[in-house]
Amino acid sequence: MWRRLRSALRSLRGSPAASPHGGGGRPPAAMERAVVRCVPSEPKLSLQFVLPDGSARHMQRDQAEPLGRALARIATNAAKGHGKAGKKSKKARAEGGAEGEAAVPAVRLFSRDGAAVAEEVPNAAAWQDGAVLHIGDARYRVERNPPALTELSLPRSLLAGFPVCPKVSAEFAAPQHCRFRWFREQRPAGGVDAAWVETAAAERVFTPSNALVGLRLKLRCTPGDGEQRYGPAREVESSCPVEAGPGACTFDARHLYTQKVCGHGSVRAVSYNILADTYAQTEFSRTVLYPYCAPYALEIDYRQNLLKKELAGYSADLICLQEVDKSVFVDSLTPALDAFGLEGLFRIKEKQHEGLATFYRRDKFSLLSQHDIAFGEALLSEPLHKELCEQLAKYPLVQEKVLQRSSVLQVSVLQSTSDPSRKLCVANTHLYWHPKGGNIRLIQIAVAMSHLKHVACDLYPSIPVIFCGDFNSTPSSGTYHFISSGGIAEDHEDWISNGEEERCSMSLSHPFKLLSACGEPAYTNYVGGFHGCLDYIFIDRNALEVEQVIPLPSHEEITTHQALPSVSHPSDHIALICDLKWK
């Protein structure tokens, strides 16, 4: 069979029809597409095209296989398709005799300059962009690895005045090079089906106006690769109509200070516990923690609308987030902040569905390395914590609690794109939460500082540190004192934060000179039963200085709906924002 097909393929050589543009002086017919997906890391390539009889073909071939074998398989498929399409009726067969075997069409591949591609050439090298595939009289333009959308989706909840950020995943393309067209639903009249009217917006992010309340949206996206190549467009319609927004939000006034991105000599940093959905959506949260908050305002889709608008409006260079659900990071925050020029990194807590996220502005920073750790695991396994581990072993009750905690430390080393000599060690954490867990937090922060010393003193000598997070520690706590002063005495009251039974006394120190860039606000967490300062952005006072601290919302704004979260604020914490510059 292989010899017969090969002979049929070779019969084209030397004939006028073998020209990639057709023969006999006839003008070439419009060419169909033959889409080839060929990725070096995969053993096979795929080939998709539509035969003249209208049947679609999707073939998988070994990349190292000779082209001739692939062409022979195409010829066989085409013959089968032709045979099915040309079958005679019973009457025709009776009148004209038995039907013969379907003819095998001649199949050849020509390079873009018109030369026939040899059958011995491996598939990976043969199927180049712009080549022309002949299947009988049909012609197909080969598109190798054209831009293609792998996912296109819209958020479930749309609010007027809040940015709609689609999730766009593409292959051989980048969202920033895709074309976007937005449509609004036109109200049907007299039983006529709804129609779509294009809006003036042609950007990746679309903010619906109040006039669109009650109407659904549709997005058409055409993937592009930045080299004037575009793939087939896809459309997606919103599952729900646009709803009215909440009006004024707690962050609106703060955005007046952050309308523009800082210059290259400055860095705008944000630290924010965004309240994980896994905690907000419990019966305990609805009835005990946040009974004052309207139930719909605790829903993840609603809060994500507020959160994305809030974060986008800060025009930040660095954003360190705590309590980030993995699904929120993947499906909501990453697509939204990517559209605003930020790259995201995620570290999940051990045994949890939430963790830490660090975003950095990609045109100001590049990622050099990551050095994330889980406190308990690092304490046991890393030699640089050996001394601390040996001291902790004297207090088995405390040691057990420390090792049971799922807390992690996210550490990213970034390099300035405008001045490669400038590097930053950006740390992000969320310490143990319990009010009587001061001793546990001291051990966790001791591990953190020891790890940061290894990164910022050993691996990258003299690199400045920015340490963000929810430290669950007030300014009067041992943890805050240790971070800001560089040491903690063994008789500090936090060593017996949970009573004499869990006393854990040791003297600790670290080499950094750290300053709370946003000072000591009256509170960064405001719920019905508690308010206090728990969140900080610590900076290396020897290398960085504060240019501007963005004022927190007023007490009146925070308490408009009694406490946080609320219909106008997505979390029970308040974001800290400051502009920093190198000394």
Foldseek 3Di string as FASTA:
>chain_A
DLVVLLVQQCVCPPDQCLWLQGGDPDGRDDAAAWEWEDDPVDQWIWIWTAAPLGRIDIDIDGQQAFQSVVQSVVQVVNQVSVCVVPDDDPVCCVVPPHDDRRDRWHKFKAQQVGHTDDRRHGNNPRQDQQIWIDGHNHIHGYHYFFKDWPDWAWFQAAEAPFKTFIDTDITLFDPVFKWKWKWKWDDDPPPDDIDTDTDPDTANIDHHHPVQAQIKMKMKIWTDHVPPTTDDIDMDIHPGTYHYAPPAFLQPVLLVVQQDADDLQKFKEKEEALAALVVLPDPCNCVPFAVLADPVLSDPSLLLRLVLRNVLSNNGFKYKYFNAFPCCVNGRVQSSVVSSQKHKDWDAFPPDRTGMMMIGRPLFKDWDDKDKDFQLVCCPPPPLNPVVNVLCVVQVVLNVVLNPDRWMKIWTKIATPVDRVAIEIEIETADDADQLCLLSLVSSVLSVQSSVCCVDPPVNNPHKYKHWYQSNDACVGQNVCCVQVFKGAQPDPSQQSPHPSRRRGDIGGHDANKDFQQHFDQFFFKIQVDGGHGITIIIRPVWKHFDFWRDRRDPCSQCVSHHPDYSNHSGRGTMTITMMGTD
